[in-house]
């Protein structure tokens, strides 16, 4: 159930990034960054100490791919957030 809510939240935030009016893009970017950083942190916690009784292993089929994709997504959204605030301040 939490995975479904995670997927729905990701889709809603992706739509917000694409369809938001320019004045709301920084907010959508920050929310997207917090969301993906939170999901990455949750996966790391599940790999190390466990989270909500879930203990993942690095050898599981999609875990390495998920770590890579979410790490790249976190970096991209961090840069996007920085650029939106920089453009907003200069413009």
PDB file of N, CA and C in Angstrom:
ATOM      1  N   UNK A   1       0.805  -1.195   0.000  1.00  0.00           N
ATOM      2  CA  UNK A   1       0.000   0.000   0.000  1.00  0.00           C
ATOM      3  C   UNK A   1       0.853   1.267   0.000  1.00  0.00           C
ATOM      4  N   UNK A   2       1.943   1.277   0.803  1.00  0.00           N
ATOM      5  CA  UNK A   2       2.816   2.446   0.825  1.00  0.00           C
ATOM      6  C   UNK A   2       3.499   2.669  -0.516  1.00  0.00           C
ATOM      7  N   UNK A   3       3.763   1.578  -1.247  1.00  0.00           N
ATOM      8  CA  UNK A   3       4.388   1.722  -2.562  1.00  0.00           C
ATOM      9  C   UNK A   3       3.443   2.401  -3.538  1.00  0.00           C
ATOM     10  N   UNK A   4       2.162   2.081  -3.438  1.00  0.00           N
ATOM     11  CA  UNK A   4       1.159   2.706  -4.305  1.00  0.00           C
ATOM     12  C   UNK A   4       1.049   4.198  -3.982  1.00  0.00           C
ATOM     13  N   UNK A   5       1.010   4.536  -2.700  1.00  0.00           N
ATOM     14  CA  UNK A   5       0.960   5.943  -2.312  1.00  0.00           C
ATOM     15  C   UNK A   5       2.213   6.688  -2.769  1.00  0.00           C
ATOM     16  N   UNK A   6       3.358   6.036  -2.695  1.00  0.00           N
ATOM     17  CA  UNK A   6       4.609   6.622  -3.172  1.00  0.00           C
ATOM     18  C   UNK A   6       4.531   6.893  -4.674  1.00  0.00           C
ATOM     19  N   UNK A   7       4.016   5.956  -5.427  1.00  0.00           N
ATOM     20  CA  UNK A   7       3.889   6.124  -6.874  1.00  0.00           C
ATOM     21  C   UNK A   7       2.920   7.253  -7.214  1.00  0.00           C
ATOM     22  N   UNK A   8       1.801   7.305  -6.514  1.00  0.00           N
ATOM     23  CA  UNK A   8       0.818   8.365  -6.772  1.00  0.00           C
ATOM     24  C   UNK A   8       1.414   9.732  -6.432  1.00  0.00           C
ATOM     25  N   UNK A   9       2.100   9.825  -5.312  1.00  0.00           N
ATOM     26  CA  UNK A   9       2.747  11.080  -4.937  1.00  0.00           C
ATOM     27  C   UNK A   9       3.776  11.520  -5.958  1.00  0.00           C
ATOM     28  N   UNK A  10       4.554  10.574  -6.477  1.00  0.00           N
ATOM     29  CA  UNK A  10       5.548  10.896  -7.498  1.00  0.00           C
ATOM     30  C   UNK A  10       4.918  11.405  -8.780  1.00  0.00           C
ATOM     31  N   UNK A  11       3.828  10.775  -9.188  1.00  0.00           N
ATOM     32  CA  UNK A  11       3.137  11.214 -10.408  1.00  0.00           C
ATOM     33  C   UNK A  11       2.544  12.609 -10.219  1.00  0.00           C
ATOM     34  N   UNK A  12       1.933  12.851  -9.068  1.00  0.00           N
ATOM     35  CA  UNK A  12       1.348  14.170  -8.801  1.00  0.00           C
ATOM     36  C   UNK A  12       2.431  15.249  -8.820  1.00  0.00           C
ATOM     37  N   UNK A  13       3.566  14.977  -8.196  1.00  0.00           N
ATOM     38  CA  UNK A  13       4.643  15.962  -8.188  1.00  0.00           C
ATOM     39  C   UNK A  13       5.262  16.157  -9.570  1.00  0.00           C
ATOM     40  N   UNK A  14       5.345  15.101 -10.353  1.00  0.00           N
ATOM     41  CA  UNK A  14       5.858  15.233 -11.724  1.00  0.00           C
ATOM     42  C   UNK A  14       4.928  16.104 -12.563  1.00  0.00           C
ATOM     43  N   UNK A  15       3.633  15.896 -12.425  1.00  0.00           N
ATOM     44  CA  UNK A  15       2.663  16.729 -13.145  1.00  0.00           C
ATOM     45  C   UNK A  15       2.768  18.174 -12.671  1.00  0.00           C
ATOM     46  N   UNK A  16       2.956  18.375 -11.366  1.00  0.00           N
ATOM     47  CA  UNK A  16       3.098  19.728 -10.832  1.00  0.00           C
ATOM     48  C   UNK A  16       4.330  20.419 -11.412  1.00  0.00           C
ATOM     49  N   UNK A  17       5.423  19.687 -11.578  1.00  0.00           N
ATOM     50  CA  UNK A  17       6.638  20.277 -12.158  1.00  0.00           C
ATOM     51  C   UNK A  17       6.408  20.704 -13.605  1.00  0.00           C
ATOM     52  N   UNK A  18       5.620  19.928 -14.316  1.00  0.00           N
ATOM     53  CA  UNK A  18       5.389  20.223 -15.735  1.00  0.00           C
ATOM     54  C   UNK A  18       4.317  21.292 -15.933  1.00  0.00           C
ATOM     55  N   UNK A  19       3.245  21.222 -15.153  1.00  0.00           N
ATOM     56  CA  UNK A  19       2.076  22.061 -15.415  1.00  0.00           C
ATOM     57  C   UNK A  19       1.958  23.283 -14.512  1.00  0.00           C
ATOM     58  N   UNK A  20       2.838  23.439 -13.552  1.00  0.00           N
ATOM     59  CA  UNK A  20       2.713  24.554 -12.610  1.00  0.00           C
ATOM     60  C   UNK A  20       2.978  25.881 -13.308  1.00  0.00           C
ATOM     61  N   UNK A  21       2.231  26.912 -12.923  1.00  0.00           N
ATOM     62  CA  UNK A  21       2.550  28.253 -13.412  1.00  0.00           C
ATOM     63  C   UNK A  21       3.955  28.641 -12.935  1.00  0.00           C
ATOM     64  N   UNK A  22       4.624  29.512 -13.653  1.00  0.00           N
ATOM     65  CA  UNK A  22       6.021  29.844 -13.305  1.00  0.00           C
ATOM     66  C   UNK A  22       6.236  30.259 -11.848  1.00  0.00           C
ATOM     67  N   UNK A  23       5.272  30.902 -11.242  1.00  0.00           N
ATOM     68  CA  UNK A  23       5.484  31.340  -9.861  1.00  0.00           C
ATOM     69  C   UNK A  23       5.460  30.176  -8.870  1.00  0.00           C
ATOM     70  N   UNK A  24       4.895  29.023  -9.261  1.00  0.00           N
ATOM     71  CA  UNK A  24       4.836  27.860  -8.378  1.00  0.00           C
ATOM     72  C   UNK A  24       5.898  26.808  -8.696  1.00  0.00           C
ATOM     73  N   UNK A  25       6.698  27.025  -9.718  1.00  0.00           N
ATOM     74  CA  UNK A  25       7.737  26.046 -10.073  1.00  0.00           C
ATOM     75  C   UNK A  25       8.753  25.862  -8.945  1.00  0.00           C
ATOM     76  N   UNK A  26       9.225  26.935  -8.276  1.00  0.00           N
ATOM     77  CA  UNK A  26      10.154  26.698  -7.156  1.00  0.00           C
ATOM     78  C   UNK A  26       9.540  25.826  -6.057  1.00  0.00           C
ATOM     79  N   UNK A  27       8.283  26.052  -5.733  1.00  0.00           N
ATOM     80  CA  UNK A  27       7.616  25.237  -4.710  1.00  0.00           C
ATOM     81  C   UNK A  27       7.510  23.780  -5.154  1.00  0.00           C
ATOM     82  N   UNK A  28       7.093  23.561  -6.389  1.00  0.00           N
ATOM     83  CA  UNK A  28       6.987  22.192  -6.912  1.00  0.00           C
ATOM     84  C   UNK A  28       8.353  21.517  -6.937  1.00  0.00           C
ATOM     85  N   UNK A  29       9.383  22.278  -7.255  1.00  0.00           N
ATOM     86  CA  UNK A  29      10.734  21.731  -7.302  1.00  0.00           C
ATOM     87  C   UNK A  29      11.221  21.325  -5.915  1.00  0.00           C
ATOM     88  N   UNK A  30      10.975  22.168  -4.921  1.00  0.00           N
ATOM     89  CA  UNK A  30      11.372  21.845  -3.547  1.00  0.00           C
ATOM     90  C   UNK A  30      10.613  20.621  -3.044  1.00  0.00           C
ATOM     91  N   UNK A  31       9.302  20.582  -3.302  1.00  0.00           N
ATOM     92  CA  UNK A  31       8.511  19.426  -2.868  1.00  0.00           C
ATOM     93  C   UNK A  31       8.984  18.148  -3.552  1.00  0.00           C
ATOM     94  N   UNK A  32       9.300  18.225  -4.845  1.00  0.00           N
ATOM     95  CA  UNK A  32       9.820  17.058  -5.559  1.00  0.00           C
ATOM     96  C   UNK A  32      11.152  16.603  -4.998  1.00  0.00           C
ATOM     97  N   UNK A  33      12.020  17.563  -4.680  1.00  0.00           N
ATOM     98  CA  UNK A  33      13.322  17.229  -4.098  1.00  0.00           C
ATOM     99  C   UNK A  33      13.164  16.559  -2.735  1.00  0.00           C
ATOM    100  N   UNK A  34      12.312  17.117  -1.895  1.00  0.00           N
ATOM    101  CA  UNK A  34      12.072  16.505  -0.582  1.00  0.00           C
ATOM    102  C   UNK A  34      11.475  15.107  -0.718  1.00  0.00           C
ATOM    103  N   UNK A  35      10.586  14.938  -1.681  1.00  0.00           N
ATOM    104  CA  UNK A  35       9.943  13.644  -1.896  1.00  0.00           C
ATOM    105  C   UNK A  35      10.960  12.583  -2.315  1.00  0.00           C
ATOM    106  N   UNK A  36      11.768  12.892  -3.326  1.00  0.00           N
ATOM    107  CA  UNK A  36      12.704  11.871  -3.818  1.00  0.00           C
ATOM    108  C   UNK A  36      13.828  11.631  -2.813  1.00  0.00           C
ATOM    109  N   UNK A  37      14.260  12.668  -2.104  1.00  0.00           N
ATOM    110  CA  UNK A  37      15.274  12.466  -1.068  1.00  0.00           C
ATOM    111  C   UNK A  37      14.701  11.606   0.057  1.00  0.00           C
ATOM    112  N   UNK A  38      13.430  11.806   0.371  1.00  0.00           N
ATOM    113  CA  UNK A  38      12.783  10.980   1.397  1.00  0.00           C
ATOM    114  C   UNK A  38      12.668   9.523   0.988  1.00  0.00           C
ATOM    115  N   UNK A  39      12.322   9.276  -0.266  1.00  0.00           N
ATOM    116  CA  UNK A  39      12.217   7.882  -0.708  1.00  0.00           C
ATOM    117  C   UNK A  39      13.589   7.222  -0.774  1.00  0.00           C
ATOM    118  N   UNK A  40      14.610   7.994  -1.153  1.00  0.00           N
ATOM    119  CA  UNK A  40      15.970   7.452  -1.155  1.00  0.00           C
ATOM    120  C   UNK A  40      16.412   7.143   0.273  1.00  0.00           C
ATOM    121  N   UNK A  41      16.125   8.036   1.201  1.00  0.00           N
ATOM    122  CA  UNK A  41      16.463   7.798   2.598  1.00  0.00           C
ATOM    123  C   UNK A  41      15.727   6.579   3.147  1.00  0.00           C
ATOM    124  N   UNK A  42      14.467   6.426   2.786  1.00  0.00           N
ATOM    125  CA  UNK A  42      13.703   5.264   3.236  1.00  0.00           C
ATOM    126  C   UNK A  42      14.321   3.967   2.720  1.00  0.00           C
ATOM    127  N   UNK A  43      14.773   3.964   1.477  1.00  0.00           N
ATOM    128  CA  UNK A  43      15.416   2.761   0.933  1.00  0.00           C
ATOM    129  C   UNK A  43      16.724   2.472   1.646  1.00  0.00           C
ATOM    130  N   UNK A  44      17.505   3.505   1.898  1.00  0.00           N
ATOM    131  CA  UNK A  44      18.777   3.309   2.611  1.00  0.00           C
ATOM    132  C   UNK A  44      18.519   2.786   4.023  1.00  0.00           C
ATOM    133  N   UNK A  45      17.503   3.319   4.685  1.00  0.00           N
ATOM    134  CA  UNK A  45      17.157   2.810   6.015  1.00  0.00           C
ATOM    135  C   UNK A  45      16.700   1.355   5.955  1.00  0.00           C
ATOM    136  N   UNK A  46      15.912   1.004   4.941  1.00  0.00           N
ATOM    137  CA  UNK A  46      15.468  -0.383   4.786  1.00  0.00           C
ATOM    138  C   UNK A  46      16.646  -1.315   4.507  1.00  0.00           C
ATOM    139  N   UNK A  47      17.678  -0.797   3.852  1.00  0.00           N
ATOM    140  CA  UNK A  47      18.872  -1.596   3.580  1.00  0.00           C
ATOM    141  C   UNK A  47      19.747  -1.765   4.818  1.00  0.00           C
ATOM    142  N   UNK A  48      19.718  -0.797   5.712  1.00  0.00           N
ATOM    143  CA  UNK A  48      20.631  -0.843   6.855  1.00  0.00           C
ATOM    144  C   UNK A  48      19.940  -1.345   8.122  1.00  0.00           C
ATOM    145  N   UNK A  49      19.085  -0.551   8.715  1.00  0.00           N
ATOM    146  CA  UNK A  49      18.493  -0.908  10.008  1.00  0.00           C
ATOM    147  C   UNK A  49      17.074  -1.427   9.896  1.00  0.00           C
ATOM    148  N   UNK A  50      16.469  -1.283   8.740  1.00  0.00           N
ATOM    149  CA  UNK A  50      15.081  -1.698   8.553  1.00  0.00           C
ATOM    150  C   UNK A  50      14.148  -0.518   8.732  1.00  0.00           C
ATOM    151  N   UNK A  51      13.013  -0.581   8.068  1.00  0.00           N
ATOM    152  CA  UNK A  51      12.035   0.500   8.126  1.00  0.00           C
ATOM    153  C   UNK A  51      10.648  -0.117   8.112  1.00  0.00           C
ATOM    154  N   UNK A  52       9.865   0.153   9.158  1.00  0.00           N
ATOM    155  CA  UNK A  52       8.516  -0.397   9.295  1.00  0.00           C
ATOM    156  C   UNK A  52       8.509  -1.924   9.167  1.00  0.00           C
ATOM    157  N   UNK A  53       9.556  -2.557   9.661  1.00  0.00           N
ATOM    158  CA  UNK A  53       9.643  -4.006   9.607  1.00  0.00           C
ATOM    159  C   UNK A  53      10.131  -4.556   8.277  1.00  0.00           C
ATOM    160  N   UNK A  54      10.488  -3.687   7.361  1.00  0.00           N
ATOM    161  CA  UNK A  54      10.974  -4.116   6.044  1.00  0.00           C
ATOM    162  C   UNK A  54      12.495  -4.042   6.053  1.00  0.00           C
ATOM    163  N   UNK A  55      13.120  -5.143   5.678  1.00  0.00           N
ATOM    164  CA  UNK A  55      14.575  -5.207   5.577  1.00  0.00           C
ATOM    165  C   UNK A  55      14.919  -5.621   4.152  1.00  0.00           C
ATOM    166  N   UNK A  56      15.474  -4.694   3.402  1.00  0.00           N
ATOM    167  CA  UNK A  56      15.880  -4.972   2.022  1.00  0.00           C
ATOM    168  C   UNK A  56      17.318  -5.457   2.003  1.00  0.00           C
ATOM    169  N   UNK A  57      17.677  -6.081   0.891  1.00  0.00           N
ATOM    170  CA  UNK A  57      19.054  -6.510   0.686  1.00  0.00           C
ATOM    171  C   UNK A  57      19.520  -5.954  -0.651  1.00  0.00           C
ATOM    172  N   UNK A  58      20.782  -5.595  -0.706  1.00  0.00           N
ATOM    173  CA  UNK A  58      21.332  -4.989  -1.918  1.00  0.00           C
ATOM    174  C   UNK A  58      21.265  -5.934  -3.110  1.00  0.00           C
ATOM    175  N   UNK A  59      21.239  -7.222  -2.863  1.00  0.00           N
ATOM    176  CA  UNK A  59      21.186  -8.201  -3.935  1.00  0.00           C
ATOM    177  C   UNK A  59      19.800  -8.404  -4.531  1.00  0.00           C
ATOM    178  N   UNK A  60      18.784  -7.776  -3.934  1.00  0.00           N
ATOM    179  CA  UNK A  60      17.429  -7.903  -4.462  1.00  0.00           C
ATOM    180  C   UNK A  60      17.376  -7.289  -5.859  1.00  0.00           C
ATOM    181  N   UNK A  61      16.489  -7.804  -6.689  1.00  0.00           N
ATOM    182  CA  UNK A  61      16.484  -7.499  -8.118  1.00  0.00           C
ATOM    183  C   UNK A  61      16.532  -6.014  -8.468  1.00  0.00           C
ATOM    184  N   UNK A  62      15.666  -5.186  -7.936  1.00  0.00           N
ATOM    185  CA  UNK A  62      15.576  -3.786  -8.372  1.00  0.00           C
ATOM    186  C   UNK A  62      16.248  -2.794  -7.437  1.00  0.00           C
ATOM    187  N   UNK A  63      16.822  -3.239  -6.351  1.00  0.00           N
ATOM    188  CA  UNK A  63      17.408  -2.314  -5.381  1.00  0.00           C
ATOM    189  C   UNK A  63      18.584  -1.528  -5.956  1.00  0.00           C
ATOM    190  N   UNK A  64      19.567  -2.149  -6.621  1.00  0.00           N
ATOM    191  CA  UNK A  64      20.670  -1.343  -7.172  1.00  0.00           C
ATOM    192  C   UNK A  64      20.194  -0.317  -8.209  1.00  0.00           C
ATOM    193  N   UNK A  65      19.269  -0.714  -9.060  1.00  0.00           N
ATOM    194  CA  UNK A  65      18.732   0.207 -10.060  1.00  0.00           C
ATOM    195  C   UNK A  65      18.008   1.367  -9.392  1.00  0.00           C
ATOM    196  N   UNK A  66      17.228   1.063  -8.364  1.00  0.00           N
ATOM    197  CA  UNK A  66      16.495   2.096  -7.647  1.00  0.00           C
ATOM    198  C   UNK A  66      17.443   3.070  -6.968  1.00  0.00           C
ATOM    199  N   UNK A  67      18.513   2.568  -6.363  1.00  0.00           N
ATOM    200  CA  UNK A  67      19.500   3.449  -5.740  1.00  0.00           C
ATOM    201  C   UNK A  67      20.109   4.410  -6.757  1.00  0.00           C
ATOM    202  N   UNK A  68      20.439   3.902  -7.931  1.00  0.00           N
ATOM    203  CA  UNK A  68      21.044   4.740  -8.970  1.00  0.00           C
ATOM    204  C   UNK A  68      20.052   5.772  -9.480  1.00  0.00           C
ATOM    205  N   UNK A  69      18.842   5.339  -9.815  1.00  0.00           N
ATOM    206  CA  UNK A  69      17.835   6.246 -10.378  1.00  0.00           C
ATOM    207  C   UNK A  69      17.454   7.324  -9.367  1.00  0.00           C
ATOM    208  N   UNK A  70      17.233   6.955  -8.125  1.00  0.00           N
ATOM    209  CA  UNK A  70      16.839   7.948  -7.129  1.00  0.00           C
ATOM    210  C   UNK A  70      17.986   8.879  -6.767  1.00  0.00           C
ATOM    211  N   UNK A  71      19.218   8.390  -6.809  1.00  0.00           N
ATOM    212  CA  UNK A  71      20.368   9.268  -6.574  1.00  0.00           C
ATOM    213  C   UNK A  71      20.494  10.299  -7.687  1.00  0.00           C
ATOM    214  N   UNK A  72      20.352   9.856  -8.925  1.00  0.00           N
ATOM    215  CA  UNK A  72      20.406  10.782 -10.054  1.00  0.00           C
ATOM    216  C   UNK A  72      19.240  11.766  -9.984  1.00  0.00           C
ATOM    217  N   UNK A  73      18.061  11.268  -9.652  1.00  0.00           N
ATOM    218  CA  UNK A  73      16.895  12.140  -9.524  1.00  0.00           C
ATOM    219  C   UNK A  73      17.078  13.191  -8.438  1.00  0.00           C
ATOM    220  N   UNK A  74      17.691  12.814  -7.333  1.00  0.00           N
ATOM    221  CA  UNK A  74      17.950  13.761  -6.251  1.00  0.00           C
ATOM    222  C   UNK A  74      18.909  14.851  -6.715  1.00  0.00           C
ATOM    223  N   UNK A  75      19.941  14.459  -7.431  1.00  0.00           N
ATOM    224  CA  UNK A  75      20.904  15.441  -7.944  1.00  0.00           C
ATOM    225  C   UNK A  75      20.238  16.369  -8.950  1.00  0.00           C
ATOM    226  N   UNK A  76      19.464  15.806  -9.870  1.00  0.00           N
ATOM    227  CA  UNK A  76      18.792  16.622 -10.887  1.00  0.00           C
ATOM    228  C   UNK A  76      17.813  17.596 -10.237  1.00  0.00           C
ATOM    229  N   UNK A  77      17.031  17.133  -9.281  1.00  0.00           N
ATOM    230  CA  UNK A  77      16.077  18.025  -8.622  1.00  0.00           C
ATOM    231  C   UNK A  77      16.775  19.052  -7.739  1.00  0.00           C
ATOM    232  N   UNK A  78      17.904  18.715  -7.144  1.00  0.00           N
ATOM    233  CA  UNK A  78      18.661  19.696  -6.366  1.00  0.00           C
ATOM    234  C   UNK A  78      19.167  20.815  -7.275  1.00  0.00           C
ATOM    235  N   UNK A  79      19.694  20.449  -8.437  1.00  0.00           N
ATOM    236  CA  UNK A  79      20.165  21.455  -9.397  1.00  0.00           C
ATOM    237  C   UNK A  79      18.989  22.273  -9.927  1.00  0.00           C
ATOM    238  N   UNK A  80      17.881  21.614 -10.228  1.00  0.00           N
ATOM    239  CA  UNK A  80      16.689  22.314 -10.717  1.00  0.00           C
ATOM    240  C   UNK A  80      16.180  23.306  -9.680  1.00  0.00           C
ATOM    241  N   UNK A  81      16.129  22.880  -8.431  1.00  0.00           N
ATOM    242  CA  UNK A  81      15.679  23.766  -7.355  1.00  0.00           C
ATOM    243  C   UNK A  81      16.607  24.965  -7.226  1.00  0.00           C
ATOM    244  N   UNK A  82      17.888  24.724  -7.253  1.00  0.00           N
ATOM    245  CA  UNK A  82      18.867  25.803  -7.154  1.00  0.00           C
ATOM    246  C   UNK A  82      18.701  26.783  -8.314  1.00  0.00           C
ATOM    247  N   UNK A  83      18.541  26.255  -9.526  1.00  0.00           N
ATOM    248  CA  UNK A  83      18.381  27.122 -10.690  1.00  0.00           C
ATOM    249  C   UNK A  83      17.083  27.923 -10.648  1.00  0.00           C
ATOM    250  N   UNK A  84      15.997  27.314 -10.185  1.00  0.00           N
ATOM    251  CA  UNK A  84      14.734  28.056 -10.133  1.00  0.00           C
ATOM    252  C   UNK A  84      14.806  29.199  -9.136  1.00  0.00           C
ATOM    253  N   UNK A  85      15.443  28.970  -7.989  1.00  0.00           N
ATOM    254  CA  UNK A  85      15.578  30.054  -7.021  1.00  0.00           C
ATOM    255  C   UNK A  85      16.558  31.113  -7.506  1.00  0.00           C
ATOM    256  N   UNK A  86      17.598  30.693  -8.194  1.00  0.00           N
ATOM    257  CA  UNK A  86      18.570  31.650  -8.744  1.00  0.00           C
ATOM    258  C   UNK A  86      17.926  32.512  -9.815  1.00  0.00           C
ATOM    259  N   UNK A  87      17.148  31.897 -10.693  1.00  0.00           N
ATOM    260  CA  UNK A  87      16.468  32.650 -11.750  1.00  0.00           C
ATOM    261  C   UNK A  87      15.407  33.579 -11.163  1.00  0.00           C
ATOM    262  N   UNK A  88      14.752  33.130 -10.132  1.00  0.00           N
ATOM    263  CA  UNK A  88      13.702  33.940  -9.499  1.00  0.00           C
ATOM    264  C   UNK A  88      14.307  35.174  -8.824  1.00  0.00           C
ATOM    265  N   UNK A  89      15.470  34.986  -8.205  1.00  0.00           N
ATOM    266  CA  UNK A  89      16.146  36.079  -7.523  1.00  0.00           C
ATOM    267  C   UNK A  89      16.708  37.107  -8.510  1.00  0.00           C
ATOM    268  N   UNK A  90      17.234  36.635  -9.639  1.00  0.00           N
ATOM    269  CA  UNK A  90      17.829  37.548 -10.620  1.00  0.00           C
ATOM    270  C   UNK A  90      16.791  38.172 -11.540  1.00  0.00           C
ATOM    271  N   UNK A  91      15.627  37.542 -11.658  1.00  0.00           N
ATOM    272  CA  UNK A  91      14.624  38.037 -12.599  1.00  0.00           C
ATOM    273  C   UNK A  91      13.583  38.800 -11.957  1.00  0.00           C
TER     274      UNK A  91
END
